[in-house]
Amino acid sequence: MIQGDAKIKNIDELEFAVFCIENIAIRLGKHAEQVYSALTEKSSILDDYIIPEYEILHTQSKEYIVDDIISLMKEKGIEI
């Protein structure tokens, strides 16, 4: 369940969040649960970045989205 201020408003945002989690997991060779934890429990990237920026992010390529979120995780010192 999403805990922060940004709530998933529709199925498109939910599918995008799952898309991000799954593709980051694939890129990093980790389980999706580990990525979800990193984006929600170890940080608030899901609530503070992925969901609020959905309108812009979802128009980008998969590679761009994954690179962007992984870069943000590194900036914030989030490790999986």
Protein backbone atom coordinates (compact mmCIF):
# COMPACT_ATOMS: atom_id res chain seq x y z
CA MET A 1 0.00 0.00 0.00
CA ILE A 2 1.25 3.47 -0.85
CA GLN A 3 1.96 5.44 2.31
CA GLY A 4 2.99 8.95 1.22
CA ASP A 5 1.11 12.03 0.08
CA ALA A 6 1.05 11.02 -3.58
CA LYS A 7 -1.64 8.44 -4.10
CA ILE A 8 -2.04 6.31 -7.17
CA LYS A 9 -5.12 7.77 -8.82
CA ASN A 10 -5.82 5.30 -11.61
CA ILE A 11 -4.86 2.02 -13.22
CA ASP A 12 -2.38 3.76 -15.54
CA GLU A 13 -0.34 5.07 -12.60
CA LEU A 14 -0.50 1.67 -10.90
CA GLU A 15 0.68 -0.11 -14.03
CA PHE A 16 3.47 2.45 -14.44
CA ALA A 17 4.65 1.94 -10.84
CA VAL A 18 4.73 -1.84 -11.39
CA PHE A 19 6.52 -1.31 -14.73
CA CYS A 20 9.20 0.78 -13.02
CA ILE A 21 9.68 -1.67 -10.16
CA GLU A 22 9.88 -4.71 -12.43
CA ASN A 23 12.28 -3.13 -14.91
CA ILE A 24 14.59 -1.77 -12.21
CA ALA A 25 14.63 -5.25 -10.67
CA ILE A 26 15.56 -6.79 -14.01
CA ARG A 27 18.32 -4.23 -14.61
CA LEU A 28 19.80 -4.72 -11.14
CA GLY A 29 19.29 -8.48 -11.03
CA LYS A 30 17.18 -8.18 -7.88
CA HIS A 31 13.72 -9.30 -6.81
CA ALA A 32 10.87 -6.84 -7.38
CA GLU A 33 10.10 -6.95 -3.64
CA GLN A 34 13.59 -5.62 -2.90
CA VAL A 35 13.13 -2.76 -5.36
CA TYR A 36 9.67 -1.95 -3.95
CA SER A 37 11.16 -1.82 -0.46
CA ALA A 38 13.95 0.48 -1.64
CA LEU A 39 11.45 2.83 -3.29
CA THR A 40 9.00 2.91 -0.37
CA GLU A 41 10.61 1.86 2.92
CA LYS A 42 14.23 2.92 2.42
CA SER A 43 13.17 6.07 0.57
CA SER A 44 10.05 7.82 -0.65
CA ILE A 45 11.00 7.77 -4.33
CA LEU A 46 7.75 6.07 -5.35
CA ASP A 47 5.57 8.64 -3.57
CA ASP A 48 7.73 11.70 -4.10
CA TYR A 49 8.99 11.14 -7.65
CA ILE A 50 7.58 8.26 -9.67
CA ILE A 51 3.87 8.89 -9.05
CA PRO A 52 3.94 12.72 -9.07
CA GLU A 53 6.05 12.75 -12.25
CA TYR A 54 4.01 10.04 -14.01
CA GLU A 55 2.74 12.38 -16.74
CA ILE A 56 6.27 13.24 -17.82
CA LEU A 57 8.06 9.97 -17.08
CA HIS A 58 5.66 7.65 -18.86
CA THR A 59 6.37 9.37 -22.18
CA GLN A 60 10.07 8.44 -21.98
CA SER A 61 11.79 5.24 -23.09
CA LYS A 62 12.13 2.29 -20.74
CA GLU A 63 15.90 2.77 -20.65
CA TYR A 64 15.56 6.45 -19.75
CA ILE A 65 13.05 5.75 -16.97
CA VAL A 66 15.11 2.95 -15.42
CA ASP A 67 18.37 4.93 -15.69
CA ASP A 68 16.71 8.01 -14.20
CA ILE A 69 15.29 6.20 -11.19
CA ILE A 70 18.49 4.23 -10.54
CA SER A 71 20.44 7.49 -10.73
CA LEU A 72 18.07 9.06 -8.18
CA MET A 73 18.49 6.04 -5.91
CA LYS A 74 22.28 6.42 -6.09
CA GLU A 75 22.01 10.17 -5.36
CA LYS A 76 20.02 9.37 -2.23
CA GLY A 77 22.37 6.56 -1.20
CA ILE A 78 19.69 3.88 -1.56
CA GLU A 79 21.15 0.41 -2.00
CA ILE A 80 19.33 -2.82 -2.65
